[in-house]
Amino acid sequence: MSTTTLPAPPSPSAVTSLITTSTSSASPDPVSALTLEVHHNLQHQHLWTSLIIHDVYTLSPTQSTPLISGQPPQAVYIHPDEQAYLLEQGISADDIPVDREWVIPTAQGQSWTLRRLAGIFDSLPAETSGRDAAEEEHAGEDMSEKLAAHAEKKKEEDLWGGKRALIAMVNRKMGGDGTVVYYVVLEGAVKPRQN
């Protein structure tokens, strides 16, 4: 009679290791695990910097949502009117500073209401700039007059849309592979583009 030895199980993935080392309990709650998974994806797959997991935003006594903020390597969304302004002024989208973006971690199949989404938008700060004072000063020295004019124009209240966030949806359904898909969600209505 021969005996066979089973191969050792594979080592945990980087995301699994992050989740187990970042939580105090052996089985982390699903919301914390989901948030860490999205954070890991933003940092390692999409090369975001200055990532912060914000404490839970309480929407009601029974609903709460953690948020992630950070800076992507390039702009995620540029309002159509801002795009037109950049074209008129001959400014490349690559030349404008990137705003701090907000990310809402969700799982596929999670139900959302407009009230819940509006509550998140109400909790977001009005200013989206993620640059600190030193970065602003340095950027001011290097900016051309056109970029300085763009920065001033962008500060005008509600000129190029309201608040925005990304919904990060993780595929966790039956046999889900952990793929994360990002959707831009805007507060209010945005006029359609003219082609």
N, C-alpha and C. Protein backbone atom coordinates (compact mmCIF):
# COMPACT_ATOMS: atom_id res chain seq x y z
N MET A 1 0.84 -1.16 0.00
CA MET A 1 0.00 0.00 0.00
C MET A 1 0.89 1.23 0.00
N SER A 2 0.66 2.13 -0.96
CA SER A 2 1.50 3.32 -1.04
C SER A 2 0.77 4.50 -0.39
N THR A 3 1.54 5.38 0.14
CA THR A 3 0.96 6.58 0.74
C THR A 3 1.36 7.78 -0.10
N THR A 4 0.41 8.64 -0.29
CA THR A 4 0.68 9.85 -1.05
C THR A 4 0.54 11.05 -0.12
N THR A 5 1.41 11.96 -0.30
CA THR A 5 1.30 13.18 0.50
C THR A 5 0.70 14.26 -0.36
N LEU A 6 -0.19 14.98 0.25
CA LEU A 6 -0.84 16.08 -0.45
C LEU A 6 0.07 17.29 -0.47
N PRO A 7 0.04 18.03 -1.55
CA PRO A 7 0.87 19.24 -1.59
C PRO A 7 0.37 20.26 -0.56
N ALA A 8 1.27 21.10 -0.11
CA ALA A 8 0.90 22.13 0.86
C ALA A 8 -0.06 23.11 0.20
N PRO A 9 -1.00 23.63 0.97
CA PRO A 9 -1.94 24.60 0.38
C PRO A 9 -1.17 25.85 -0.05
N PRO A 10 -1.70 26.54 -1.05
CA PRO A 10 -1.01 27.75 -1.52
C PRO A 10 -1.01 28.82 -0.42
N SER A 11 -0.03 29.68 -0.49
CA SER A 11 0.03 30.77 0.49
C SER A 11 -1.08 31.77 0.19
N PRO A 12 -1.55 32.47 1.22
CA PRO A 12 -2.64 33.43 1.01
C PRO A 12 -2.22 34.54 0.05
N SER A 13 -3.20 35.08 -0.66
CA SER A 13 -2.94 36.18 -1.58
C SER A 13 -2.58 37.44 -0.80
N ALA A 14 -2.08 38.44 -1.49
CA ALA A 14 -1.71 39.70 -0.85
C ALA A 14 -2.93 40.37 -0.21
N VAL A 15 -4.08 40.28 -0.87
CA VAL A 15 -5.29 40.89 -0.33
C VAL A 15 -5.74 40.16 0.93
N THR A 16 -5.71 38.83 0.91
CA THR A 16 -6.10 38.04 2.07
C THR A 16 -5.17 38.34 3.24
N SER A 17 -3.88 38.41 2.97
CA SER A 17 -2.92 38.73 4.03
C SER A 17 -3.17 40.12 4.60
N LEU A 18 -3.46 41.09 3.74
CA LEU A 18 -3.74 42.44 4.19
C LEU A 18 -4.96 42.48 5.09
N ILE A 19 -6.01 41.79 4.67
CA ILE A 19 -7.25 41.79 5.44
C ILE A 19 -7.04 41.15 6.81
N THR A 20 -6.35 40.01 6.85
CA THR A 20 -6.17 39.32 8.14
C THR A 20 -5.21 40.06 9.06
N THR A 21 -4.22 40.76 8.52
CA THR A 21 -3.30 41.49 9.38
C THR A 21 -3.84 42.86 9.78
N SER A 22 -4.78 43.41 9.03
CA SER A 22 -5.30 44.75 9.32
C SER A 22 -6.50 44.73 10.25
N THR A 23 -7.08 43.58 10.47
CA THR A 23 -8.24 43.51 11.36
C THR A 23 -7.85 42.78 12.63
N SER A 24 -8.51 43.14 13.71
CA SER A 24 -8.16 42.57 15.00
C SER A 24 -8.73 41.17 15.22
N SER A 25 -9.80 40.82 14.55
CA SER A 25 -10.40 39.51 14.75
C SER A 25 -9.98 38.55 13.64
N ALA A 26 -10.13 37.27 13.91
CA ALA A 26 -9.76 36.25 12.92
C ALA A 26 -10.67 36.32 11.69
N SER A 27 -11.94 36.66 11.90
CA SER A 27 -12.85 36.79 10.76
C SER A 27 -13.34 38.24 10.72
N PRO A 28 -12.75 39.05 9.85
CA PRO A 28 -13.12 40.46 9.78
C PRO A 28 -14.54 40.63 9.27
N ASP A 29 -15.17 41.76 9.65
CA ASP A 29 -16.52 41.99 9.16
C ASP A 29 -16.46 42.27 7.66
N PRO A 30 -17.51 41.93 6.93
CA PRO A 30 -17.50 42.05 5.47
C PRO A 30 -17.23 43.47 4.96
N VAL A 31 -17.72 44.49 5.67
CA VAL A 31 -17.53 45.87 5.21
C VAL A 31 -16.05 46.25 5.29
N SER A 32 -15.39 45.89 6.39
CA SER A 32 -13.96 46.20 6.53
C SER A 32 -13.14 45.46 5.48
N ALA A 33 -13.45 44.20 5.27
CA ALA A 33 -12.72 43.41 4.28
C ALA A 33 -12.92 43.99 2.88
N LEU A 34 -14.14 44.38 2.56
CA LEU A 34 -14.44 44.98 1.26
C LEU A 34 -13.68 46.29 1.08
N THR A 35 -13.67 47.12 2.10
CA THR A 35 -12.96 48.41 2.03
C THR A 35 -11.47 48.20 1.83
N LEU A 36 -10.88 47.25 2.55
CA LEU A 36 -9.45 46.97 2.40
C LEU A 36 -9.14 46.41 1.01
N GLU A 37 -10.05 45.60 0.48
CA GLU A 37 -9.86 45.04 -0.86
C GLU A 37 -9.85 46.15 -1.93
N VAL A 38 -10.78 47.10 -1.81
CA VAL A 38 -10.84 48.21 -2.77
C VAL A 38 -9.60 49.10 -2.60
N HIS A 39 -9.21 49.37 -1.36
CA HIS A 39 -8.01 50.17 -1.08
C HIS A 39 -6.79 49.53 -1.73
N HIS A 40 -6.63 48.23 -1.57
CA HIS A 40 -5.51 47.49 -2.15
C HIS A 40 -5.54 47.59 -3.68
N ASN A 41 -6.73 47.45 -4.26
CA ASN A 41 -6.88 47.54 -5.72
C ASN A 41 -6.49 48.92 -6.23
N LEU A 42 -6.94 49.96 -5.54
CA LEU A 42 -6.60 51.33 -5.97
C LEU A 42 -5.09 51.56 -5.90
N GLN A 43 -4.48 51.08 -4.82
CA GLN A 43 -3.06 51.32 -4.61
C GLN A 43 -2.18 50.52 -5.56
N HIS A 44 -2.47 49.24 -5.72
CA HIS A 44 -1.56 48.37 -6.47
C HIS A 44 -1.94 48.15 -7.93
N GLN A 45 -3.22 48.23 -8.26
CA GLN A 45 -3.64 48.04 -9.65
C GLN A 45 -3.76 49.35 -10.41
N HIS A 46 -4.18 50.40 -9.71
CA HIS A 46 -4.44 51.68 -10.39
C HIS A 46 -3.48 52.78 -9.99
N LEU A 47 -2.53 52.48 -9.09
CA LEU A 47 -1.43 53.36 -8.72
C LEU A 47 -1.88 54.69 -8.12
N TRP A 48 -2.95 54.65 -7.30
CA TRP A 48 -3.39 55.84 -6.59
C TRP A 48 -2.42 56.12 -5.44
N THR A 49 -2.32 57.37 -5.06
CA THR A 49 -1.48 57.77 -3.94
C THR A 49 -2.32 58.51 -2.90
N SER A 50 -1.71 58.77 -1.76
CA SER A 50 -2.37 59.52 -0.66
C SER A 50 -3.72 58.90 -0.28
N LEU A 51 -3.79 57.58 -0.28
CA LEU A 51 -5.05 56.90 0.04
C LEU A 51 -5.33 56.97 1.54
N ILE A 52 -6.58 57.27 1.86
CA ILE A 52 -7.04 57.33 3.24
C ILE A 52 -8.37 56.60 3.32
N ILE A 53 -8.50 55.72 4.31
CA ILE A 53 -9.80 55.11 4.60
C ILE A 53 -10.43 55.98 5.67
N HIS A 54 -11.57 56.57 5.34
CA HIS A 54 -12.25 57.47 6.27
C HIS A 54 -13.19 56.66 7.13
N ASP A 55 -13.26 57.05 8.39
CA ASP A 55 -14.16 56.36 9.31
C ASP A 55 -15.55 56.34 8.72
N VAL A 56 -16.34 55.51 9.26
CA VAL A 56 -17.68 55.25 8.73
C VAL A 56 -18.51 56.53 8.73
N TYR A 57 -19.14 56.80 7.59
CA TYR A 57 -20.11 57.88 7.50
C TYR A 57 -21.46 57.30 7.84
N THR A 58 -22.05 57.78 8.91
CA THR A 58 -23.33 57.24 9.35
C THR A 58 -24.45 57.94 8.61
N LEU A 59 -25.22 57.15 7.91
CA LEU A 59 -26.32 57.69 7.11
C LEU A 59 -27.63 57.62 7.87
N SER A 60 -27.75 56.63 8.72
CA SER A 60 -28.94 56.46 9.56
C SER A 60 -28.53 55.52 10.69
N PRO A 61 -29.38 55.30 11.67
CA PRO A 61 -29.00 54.38 12.75
C PRO A 61 -28.68 52.97 12.26
N THR A 62 -29.18 52.57 11.10
CA THR A 62 -28.94 51.22 10.62
C THR A 62 -28.01 51.15 9.42
N GLN A 63 -27.64 52.28 8.84
CA GLN A 63 -26.79 52.28 7.64
C GLN A 63 -25.55 53.13 7.86
N SER A 64 -24.42 52.56 7.51
CA SER A 64 -23.18 53.32 7.55
C SER A 64 -22.28 52.83 6.42
N THR A 65 -21.41 53.71 5.96
CA THR A 65 -20.56 53.39 4.82
C THR A 65 -19.18 53.99 5.02
N PRO A 66 -18.12 53.17 4.95
CA PRO A 66 -16.77 53.75 4.96
C PRO A 66 -16.46 54.30 3.56
N LEU A 67 -15.63 55.31 3.50
CA LEU A 67 -15.23 55.89 2.23
C LEU A 67 -13.72 55.89 2.13
N ILE A 68 -13.23 55.88 0.90
CA ILE A 68 -11.79 55.94 0.64
C ILE A 68 -11.57 57.20 -0.20
N SER A 69 -10.51 57.93 0.11
CA SER A 69 -10.15 59.05 -0.75
C SER A 69 -8.69 58.91 -1.14
N GLY A 70 -8.35 59.48 -2.27
CA GLY A 70 -6.97 59.42 -2.74
C GLY A 70 -6.82 60.17 -4.05
N GLN A 71 -5.59 60.15 -4.55
CA GLN A 71 -5.31 60.83 -5.81
C GLN A 71 -4.90 59.84 -6.88
N PRO A 72 -5.69 59.77 -7.96
CA PRO A 72 -5.33 58.89 -9.07
C PRO A 72 -4.17 59.48 -9.85
N PRO A 73 -3.49 58.67 -10.66
CA PRO A 73 -2.37 59.21 -11.44
C PRO A 73 -2.80 60.21 -12.51
N GLN A 74 -4.06 60.15 -12.93
CA GLN A 74 -4.60 61.11 -13.90
C GLN A 74 -6.06 61.35 -13.57
N ALA A 75 -6.62 62.39 -14.16
CA ALA A 75 -8.01 62.73 -13.86
C ALA A 75 -8.94 61.58 -14.23
N VAL A 76 -9.87 61.29 -13.34
CA VAL A 76 -10.85 60.22 -13.57
C VAL A 76 -12.01 60.74 -14.42
N TYR A 77 -12.41 61.98 -14.17
CA TYR A 77 -13.55 62.57 -14.87
C TYR A 77 -13.29 64.05 -15.05
N ILE A 78 -13.54 64.54 -16.25
CA ILE A 78 -13.47 65.97 -16.52
C ILE A 78 -14.82 66.38 -17.10
N HIS A 79 -15.45 67.35 -16.46
CA HIS A 79 -16.77 67.82 -16.88
C HIS A 79 -16.71 68.29 -18.34
N PRO A 80 -17.76 68.03 -19.14
CA PRO A 80 -17.74 68.44 -20.55
C PRO A 80 -17.46 69.93 -20.76
N ASP A 81 -18.00 70.80 -19.90
CA ASP A 81 -17.73 72.23 -20.04
C ASP A 81 -16.27 72.56 -19.72
N GLU A 82 -15.70 71.83 -18.77
CA GLU A 82 -14.28 72.03 -18.45
C GLU A 82 -13.42 71.54 -19.62
N GLN A 83 -13.81 70.43 -20.24
CA GLN A 83 -13.08 69.94 -21.41
C GLN A 83 -13.09 70.99 -22.52
N ALA A 84 -14.24 71.61 -22.75
CA ALA A 84 -14.35 72.64 -23.79
C ALA A 84 -13.45 73.83 -23.44
N TYR A 85 -13.44 74.22 -22.17
CA TYR A 85 -12.58 75.34 -21.74
C TYR A 85 -11.11 75.00 -21.97
N LEU A 86 -10.71 73.78 -21.61
CA LEU A 86 -9.31 73.37 -21.80
C LEU A 86 -8.92 73.41 -23.27
N LEU A 87 -9.82 72.94 -24.13
CA LEU A 87 -9.55 72.98 -25.58
C LEU A 87 -9.43 74.41 -26.09
N GLU A 88 -10.36 75.28 -25.65
CA GLU A 88 -10.33 76.68 -26.08
C GLU A 88 -9.03 77.37 -25.67
N GLN A 89 -8.53 77.03 -24.48
CA GLN A 89 -7.34 77.68 -23.95
C GLN A 89 -6.05 76.98 -24.37
N GLY A 90 -6.17 75.84 -25.05
CA GLY A 90 -4.99 75.10 -25.47
C GLY A 90 -4.25 74.45 -24.31
N ILE A 91 -5.00 74.02 -23.30
CA ILE A 91 -4.41 73.38 -22.13
C ILE A 91 -4.62 71.88 -22.24
N SER A 92 -3.57 71.12 -22.03
CA SER A 92 -3.67 69.67 -22.04
C SER A 92 -4.24 69.19 -20.71
N ALA A 93 -5.09 68.19 -20.77
CA ALA A 93 -5.66 67.62 -19.54
C ALA A 93 -4.57 67.06 -18.63
N ASP A 94 -3.43 66.66 -19.23
CA ASP A 94 -2.32 66.14 -18.43
C ASP A 94 -1.63 67.23 -17.61
N ASP A 95 -1.82 68.49 -17.98
CA ASP A 95 -1.16 69.60 -17.28
C ASP A 95 -1.91 70.07 -16.05
N ILE A 96 -3.20 69.75 -15.94
CA ILE A 96 -3.96 70.24 -14.79
C ILE A 96 -3.75 69.33 -13.59
N PRO A 97 -3.72 69.89 -12.38
CA PRO A 97 -3.53 69.07 -11.18
C PRO A 97 -4.71 68.12 -10.99
N VAL A 98 -4.42 66.95 -10.46
CA VAL A 98 -5.44 65.94 -10.24
C VAL A 98 -6.12 66.20 -8.90
N ASP A 99 -7.44 66.13 -8.88
CA ASP A 99 -8.22 66.32 -7.65
C ASP A 99 -8.23 65.05 -6.82
N ARG A 100 -8.44 65.22 -5.53
CA ARG A 100 -8.67 64.09 -4.64
C ARG A 100 -10.03 63.51 -4.99
N GLU A 101 -10.09 62.22 -5.17
CA GLU A 101 -11.34 61.54 -5.53
C GLU A 101 -11.85 60.75 -4.34
N TRP A 102 -13.15 60.59 -4.27
CA TRP A 102 -13.81 59.80 -3.22
C TRP A 102 -14.32 58.51 -3.81
N VAL A 103 -14.14 57.42 -3.08
CA VAL A 103 -14.53 56.09 -3.55
C VAL A 103 -15.45 55.45 -2.51
N ILE A 104 -16.56 54.90 -3.00
CA ILE A 104 -17.53 54.21 -2.15
C ILE A 104 -17.39 52.71 -2.41
N PRO A 105 -16.84 51.94 -1.46
CA PRO A 105 -16.71 50.49 -1.67
C PRO A 105 -18.07 49.79 -1.60
N THR A 106 -18.37 48.98 -2.60
CA THR A 106 -19.61 48.19 -2.61
C THR A 106 -19.33 46.81 -3.17
N ALA A 107 -20.26 45.91 -2.93
CA ALA A 107 -20.17 44.56 -3.50
C ALA A 107 -21.30 44.39 -4.50
N GLN A 108 -21.05 43.58 -5.51
CA GLN A 108 -22.07 43.32 -6.52
C GLN A 108 -23.32 42.77 -5.84
N GLY A 109 -24.46 43.31 -6.20
CA GLY A 109 -25.72 42.87 -5.62
C GLY A 109 -26.14 43.67 -4.40
N GLN A 110 -25.27 44.54 -3.90
CA GLN A 110 -25.62 45.37 -2.75
C GLN A 110 -26.65 46.39 -3.20
N SER A 111 -27.71 46.56 -2.43
CA SER A 111 -28.77 47.47 -2.86
C SER A 111 -28.46 48.90 -2.39
N TRP A 112 -28.77 49.84 -3.27
CA TRP A 112 -28.55 51.25 -3.00
C TRP A 112 -29.83 52.01 -3.30
N THR A 113 -30.04 53.09 -2.56
CA THR A 113 -31.17 53.97 -2.82
C THR A 113 -30.63 55.36 -3.10
N LEU A 114 -31.44 56.18 -3.74
CA LEU A 114 -31.03 57.56 -3.98
C LEU A 114 -30.83 58.30 -2.67
N ARG A 115 -31.62 57.98 -1.67
CA ARG A 115 -31.48 58.63 -0.36
C ARG A 115 -30.12 58.31 0.25
N ARG A 116 -29.70 57.07 0.16
CA ARG A 116 -28.41 56.67 0.72
C ARG A 116 -27.26 57.36 -0.03
N LEU A 117 -27.36 57.38 -1.35
CA LEU A 117 -26.34 58.04 -2.16
C LEU A 117 -26.31 59.54 -1.88
N ALA A 118 -27.49 60.17 -1.74
CA ALA A 118 -27.56 61.60 -1.42
C ALA A 118 -26.93 61.86 -0.05
N GLY A 119 -27.12 60.95 0.90
CA GLY A 119 -26.51 61.10 2.22
C GLY A 119 -25.00 61.09 2.14
N ILE A 120 -24.45 60.25 1.28
CA ILE A 120 -22.99 60.23 1.10
C ILE A 120 -22.52 61.53 0.47
N PHE A 121 -23.21 62.01 -0.57
CA PHE A 121 -22.83 63.27 -1.20
C PHE A 121 -22.91 64.42 -0.21
N ASP A 122 -23.92 64.41 0.68
CA ASP A 122 -24.03 65.47 1.68
C ASP A 122 -22.85 65.45 2.65
N SER A 123 -22.27 64.27 2.88
CA SER A 123 -21.16 64.17 3.83
C SER A 123 -19.81 64.49 3.20
N LEU A 124 -19.74 64.56 1.87
CA LEU A 124 -18.47 64.86 1.21
C LEU A 124 -18.16 66.36 1.32
N PRO A 125 -16.87 66.70 1.43
CA PRO A 125 -16.53 68.12 1.46
C PRO A 125 -16.77 68.77 0.10
N ALA A 126 -17.02 70.07 0.11
CA ALA A 126 -17.28 70.79 -1.14
C ALA A 126 -16.01 70.91 -1.97
N GLU A 127 -14.87 71.08 -1.34
CA GLU A 127 -13.59 71.23 -2.04
C GLU A 127 -13.00 69.85 -2.28
N THR A 128 -12.64 69.56 -3.54
CA THR A 128 -12.10 68.24 -3.87
C THR A 128 -10.59 68.23 -3.99
N SER A 129 -9.97 69.38 -3.89
CA SER A 129 -8.52 69.44 -4.07
C SER A 129 -7.82 68.66 -2.98
N GLY A 130 -6.94 67.76 -3.37
CA GLY A 130 -6.19 66.99 -2.40
C GLY A 130 -4.80 67.54 -2.18
N ARG A 131 -4.48 68.68 -2.77
CA ARG A 131 -3.14 69.23 -2.67
C ARG A 131 -3.01 70.02 -1.37
N ASP A 132 -1.88 69.84 -0.68
CA ASP A 132 -1.66 70.61 0.53
C ASP A 132 -1.05 71.96 0.17
N ALA A 133 -0.82 72.81 1.19
CA ALA A 133 -0.35 74.17 0.95
C ALA A 133 0.99 74.20 0.22
N ALA A 134 1.90 73.31 0.58
CA ALA A 134 3.22 73.28 -0.07
C ALA A 134 3.08 72.93 -1.55
N GLU A 135 2.22 71.95 -1.84
CA GLU A 135 2.00 71.59 -3.24
C GLU A 135 1.37 72.74 -4.01
N GLU A 136 0.42 73.44 -3.38
CA GLU A 136 -0.23 74.57 -4.03
C GLU A 136 0.80 75.65 -4.36
N GLU A 137 1.70 75.93 -3.39
CA GLU A 137 2.71 76.97 -3.59
C GLU A 137 3.65 76.58 -4.73
N HIS A 138 4.09 75.31 -4.72
CA HIS A 138 4.99 74.82 -5.77
C HIS A 138 4.30 74.85 -7.13
N ALA A 139 3.02 74.39 -7.14
CA ALA A 139 2.27 74.39 -8.39
C ALA A 139 2.09 75.82 -8.90
N GLY A 140 1.88 76.78 -7.98
CA GLY A 140 1.70 78.16 -8.37
C GLY A 140 2.94 78.73 -9.04
N GLU A 141 4.13 78.31 -8.58
CA GLU A 141 5.37 78.80 -9.18
C GLU A 141 5.53 78.29 -10.61
N ASP A 142 5.11 77.04 -10.84
CA ASP A 142 5.33 76.41 -12.14
C ASP A 142 4.19 76.62 -13.14
N MET A 143 3.05 77.08 -12.67
CA MET A 143 1.89 77.18 -13.55
C MET A 143 2.04 78.33 -14.53
N SER A 144 1.61 78.07 -15.72
CA SER A 144 1.54 79.15 -16.70
C SER A 144 0.32 80.01 -16.37
N GLU A 145 0.20 81.13 -17.02
CA GLU A 145 -0.95 82.00 -16.79
C GLU A 145 -2.26 81.28 -17.12
N LYS A 146 -2.22 80.45 -18.14
CA LYS A 146 -3.43 79.71 -18.53
C LYS A 146 -3.85 78.75 -17.43
N LEU A 147 -2.90 78.04 -16.84
CA LEU A 147 -3.23 77.10 -15.77
C LEU A 147 -3.71 77.83 -14.53
N ALA A 148 -3.13 78.98 -14.24
CA ALA A 148 -3.58 79.77 -13.10
C ALA A 148 -5.01 80.26 -13.32
N ALA A 149 -5.32 80.68 -14.55
CA ALA A 149 -6.68 81.11 -14.87
C ALA A 149 -7.65 79.94 -14.76
N HIS A 150 -7.21 78.77 -15.19
CA HIS A 150 -8.05 77.57 -15.08
C HIS A 150 -8.34 77.26 -13.62
N ALA A 151 -7.33 77.33 -12.77
CA ALA A 151 -7.51 77.04 -11.34
C ALA A 151 -8.50 78.02 -10.72
N GLU A 152 -8.41 79.29 -11.08
CA GLU A 152 -9.35 80.28 -10.55
C GLU A 152 -10.76 80.02 -11.05
N LYS A 153 -10.88 79.71 -12.33
CA LYS A 153 -12.20 79.45 -12.91
C LYS A 153 -12.84 78.22 -12.26
N LYS A 154 -12.02 77.21 -11.97
CA LYS A 154 -12.54 75.98 -11.37
C LYS A 154 -13.05 76.20 -9.95
N LYS A 155 -12.47 77.20 -9.26
CA LYS A 155 -12.90 77.49 -7.88
C LYS A 155 -14.28 78.13 -7.83
N GLU A 156 -14.75 78.69 -8.94
CA GLU A 156 -16.07 79.31 -8.95
C GLU A 156 -17.11 78.25 -8.57
N GLU A 157 -18.02 78.61 -7.73
CA GLU A 157 -18.98 77.66 -7.18
C GLU A 157 -19.82 76.99 -8.27
N ASP A 158 -19.81 75.68 -8.26
CA ASP A 158 -20.63 74.84 -9.16
C ASP A 158 -20.44 75.16 -10.64
N LEU A 159 -19.27 75.67 -11.02
CA LEU A 159 -19.06 75.99 -12.42
C LEU A 159 -19.09 74.73 -13.29
N TRP A 160 -18.33 73.72 -12.86
CA TRP A 160 -18.22 72.50 -13.66
C TRP A 160 -18.77 71.31 -12.90
N GLY A 161 -20.03 71.40 -12.54
CA GLY A 161 -20.68 70.28 -11.88
C GLY A 161 -20.55 70.31 -10.38
N GLY A 162 -21.25 69.40 -9.73
CA GLY A 162 -21.22 69.32 -8.28
C GLY A 162 -20.24 68.25 -7.82
N LYS A 163 -20.59 67.66 -6.72
CA LYS A 163 -19.72 66.64 -6.14
C LYS A 163 -19.79 65.37 -6.96
N ARG A 164 -18.72 64.57 -6.86
CA ARG A 164 -18.71 63.28 -7.56
C ARG A 164 -17.98 62.27 -6.68
N ALA A 165 -18.25 61.02 -6.96
CA ALA A 165 -17.58 59.92 -6.28
C ALA A 165 -17.50 58.75 -7.26
N LEU A 166 -16.66 57.81 -6.94
CA LEU A 166 -16.59 56.57 -7.70
C LEU A 166 -17.21 55.48 -6.85
N ILE A 167 -18.07 54.70 -7.46
CA ILE A 167 -18.56 53.50 -6.78
C ILE A 167 -17.67 52.36 -7.23
N ALA A 168 -17.00 51.74 -6.26
CA ALA A 168 -16.13 50.60 -6.55
C ALA A 168 -16.94 49.34 -6.25
N MET A 169 -17.28 48.60 -7.30
CA MET A 169 -18.10 47.41 -7.14
C MET A 169 -17.22 46.16 -7.31
N VAL A 170 -17.18 45.36 -6.24
CA VAL A 170 -16.37 44.15 -6.24
C VAL A 170 -17.25 42.97 -6.61
N ASN A 171 -16.77 42.14 -7.52
CA ASN A 171 -17.50 40.95 -7.96
C ASN A 171 -17.34 39.87 -6.89
N ARG A 172 -18.38 39.67 -6.10
CA ARG A 172 -18.34 38.66 -5.05
C ARG A 172 -19.47 37.65 -5.19
N LYS A 173 -20.18 37.74 -6.26
CA LYS A 173 -21.28 36.78 -6.47
C LYS A 173 -20.72 35.39 -6.64
N MET A 174 -21.56 34.46 -6.90
CA MET A 174 -21.17 33.06 -7.02
C MET A 174 -19.96 32.89 -7.94
N GLY A 175 -18.87 32.45 -7.37
CA GLY A 175 -17.66 32.27 -8.15
C GLY A 175 -16.96 33.55 -8.50
N GLY A 176 -17.29 34.65 -7.81
CA GLY A 176 -16.70 35.95 -8.11
C GLY A 176 -15.19 35.91 -8.01
N ASP A 177 -14.55 36.59 -8.92
CA ASP A 177 -13.08 36.56 -8.97
C ASP A 177 -12.45 37.77 -8.28
N GLY A 178 -13.26 38.62 -7.66
CA GLY A 178 -12.71 39.78 -6.97
C GLY A 178 -12.43 40.96 -7.87
N THR A 179 -12.89 40.90 -9.12
CA THR A 179 -12.69 42.02 -10.03
C THR A 179 -13.38 43.26 -9.45
N VAL A 180 -12.73 44.42 -9.55
CA VAL A 180 -13.31 45.67 -9.08
C VAL A 180 -13.59 46.55 -10.30
N VAL A 181 -14.83 47.01 -10.41
CA VAL A 181 -15.24 47.89 -11.51
C VAL A 181 -15.63 49.22 -10.88
N TYR A 182 -15.20 50.32 -11.50
CA TYR A 182 -15.45 51.65 -10.96
C TYR A 182 -16.44 52.40 -11.85
N TYR A 183 -17.43 53.04 -11.20
CA TYR A 183 -18.43 53.83 -11.90
C TYR A 183 -18.38 55.25 -11.35
N VAL A 184 -18.37 56.25 -12.22
CA VAL A 184 -18.42 57.64 -11.80
C VAL A 184 -19.88 57.98 -11.50
N VAL A 185 -20.12 58.53 -10.31
CA VAL A 185 -21.47 58.95 -9.92
C VAL A 185 -21.39 60.43 -9.58
N LEU A 186 -22.28 61.20 -10.19
CA LEU A 186 -22.29 62.65 -10.00
C LEU A 186 -23.52 63.07 -9.21
N GLU A 187 -23.36 64.10 -8.40
CA GLU A 187 -24.50 64.64 -7.66
C GLU A 187 -25.29 65.51 -8.63
N GLY A 188 -26.57 65.29 -8.71
CA GLY A 188 -27.41 66.09 -9.60
C GLY A 188 -27.33 65.60 -11.03
N ALA A 189 -27.77 66.45 -11.94
CA ALA A 189 -27.79 66.11 -13.36
C ALA A 189 -26.68 66.84 -14.08
N VAL A 190 -26.09 66.18 -15.05
CA VAL A 190 -25.06 66.79 -15.89
C VAL A 190 -25.63 66.87 -17.29
N LYS A 191 -25.51 68.06 -17.88
CA LYS A 191 -26.08 68.22 -19.22
C LYS A 191 -25.32 67.31 -20.18
N PRO A 192 -26.02 66.75 -21.16
CA PRO A 192 -25.37 65.84 -22.11
C PRO A 192 -24.36 66.57 -22.99
N ARG A 193 -23.38 65.83 -23.43
CA ARG A 193 -22.37 66.40 -24.33
C ARG A 193 -22.96 66.60 -25.72
N GLN A 194 -22.44 67.60 -26.41
CA GLN A 194 -22.79 67.77 -27.80
C GLN A 194 -21.62 67.27 -28.63
N ASN A 195 -21.87 66.37 -29.53
CA ASN A 195 -20.81 65.84 -30.39
C ASN A 195 -20.78 66.54 -31.71
